[in-house]
Protein backbone atom coordinates (compact mmCIF):
# COMPACT_ATOMS: atom_id res chain seq x y z
CA MET A 1 -15.69 5.66 0.79
CA THR A 2 -12.42 5.66 2.62
CA ASN A 3 -10.86 8.69 4.24
CA ASP A 4 -8.20 8.74 1.51
CA GLU A 5 -10.85 8.78 -1.22
CA ILE A 6 -12.63 11.68 0.44
CA LYS A 7 -9.34 13.50 0.94
CA ASN A 8 -8.48 13.11 -2.75
CA ILE A 9 -11.91 14.29 -3.89
CA LEU A 10 -11.82 17.36 -1.66
CA ASN A 11 -8.27 18.15 -2.71
CA GLU A 12 -9.03 17.95 -6.40
CA VAL A 13 -12.37 19.75 -6.27
CA HIS A 14 -11.42 22.50 -3.84
CA ASN A 15 -7.67 22.94 -3.96
CA VAL A 16 -7.39 22.52 -7.72
CA PHE A 17 -10.70 23.39 -9.44
CA TRP A 18 -12.12 25.95 -7.01
CA VAL A 19 -8.84 27.76 -6.40
CA LYS A 20 -8.22 27.93 -10.17
CA TRP A 21 -11.63 29.42 -11.03
CA ARG A 22 -12.88 31.21 -7.89
CA ASN A 23 -11.74 34.72 -8.84
CA LYS A 24 -12.15 34.54 -12.59
CA VAL A 25 -15.55 33.39 -13.74
CA PRO A 26 -15.23 33.33 -17.53
CA GLU A 27 -17.77 34.76 -19.96
CA ARG A 28 -20.04 32.18 -21.55
CA GLY A 29 -18.82 31.15 -24.96
CA SER A 30 -15.23 32.20 -24.37
CA TYR A 31 -12.28 29.81 -24.57
CA GLU A 32 -11.92 30.01 -20.78
CA TRP A 33 -15.61 29.11 -20.39
CA GLU A 34 -15.06 25.96 -22.44
CA GLN A 35 -12.04 25.09 -20.27
CA PHE A 36 -14.10 25.73 -17.11
CA ILE A 37 -16.87 23.41 -18.36
CA GLN A 38 -14.33 20.79 -19.40
CA ASP A 39 -12.55 20.89 -16.02
CA GLY A 40 -15.84 20.53 -14.15
CA GLY A 41 -17.04 17.77 -16.45
CA GLU A 42 -13.85 15.79 -15.95
CA LEU A 43 -14.27 15.96 -12.17
CA MET A 44 -17.92 14.94 -12.38
CA LYS A 45 -17.02 12.00 -14.61
CA LYS A 46 -14.07 10.94 -12.43
CA TYR A 47 -16.10 11.13 -9.21
CA SER A 48 -19.55 10.20 -10.55
CA TYR A 49 -20.00 7.87 -7.58
CA CYS A 50 -19.79 10.79 -5.13
CA SER A 51 -22.95 12.85 -4.69
CA LEU A 52 -20.91 15.78 -3.35
CA VAL A 53 -19.31 16.21 -6.77
CA ILE A 54 -22.24 15.62 -9.09
CA LYS A 55 -24.92 17.72 -7.35
């Protein structure tokens, strides 16, 4: 991977996903829980080639 690819992965996973959800873990089964799962799934699908994202 290039430095730019790693930068983009870290930005999207940390600065977008983690910052969005870090202080509000939703209850299972709630609408927010479904959004949380969807957001994480989209990142895992987008970066399936990166073991840092899918593990």
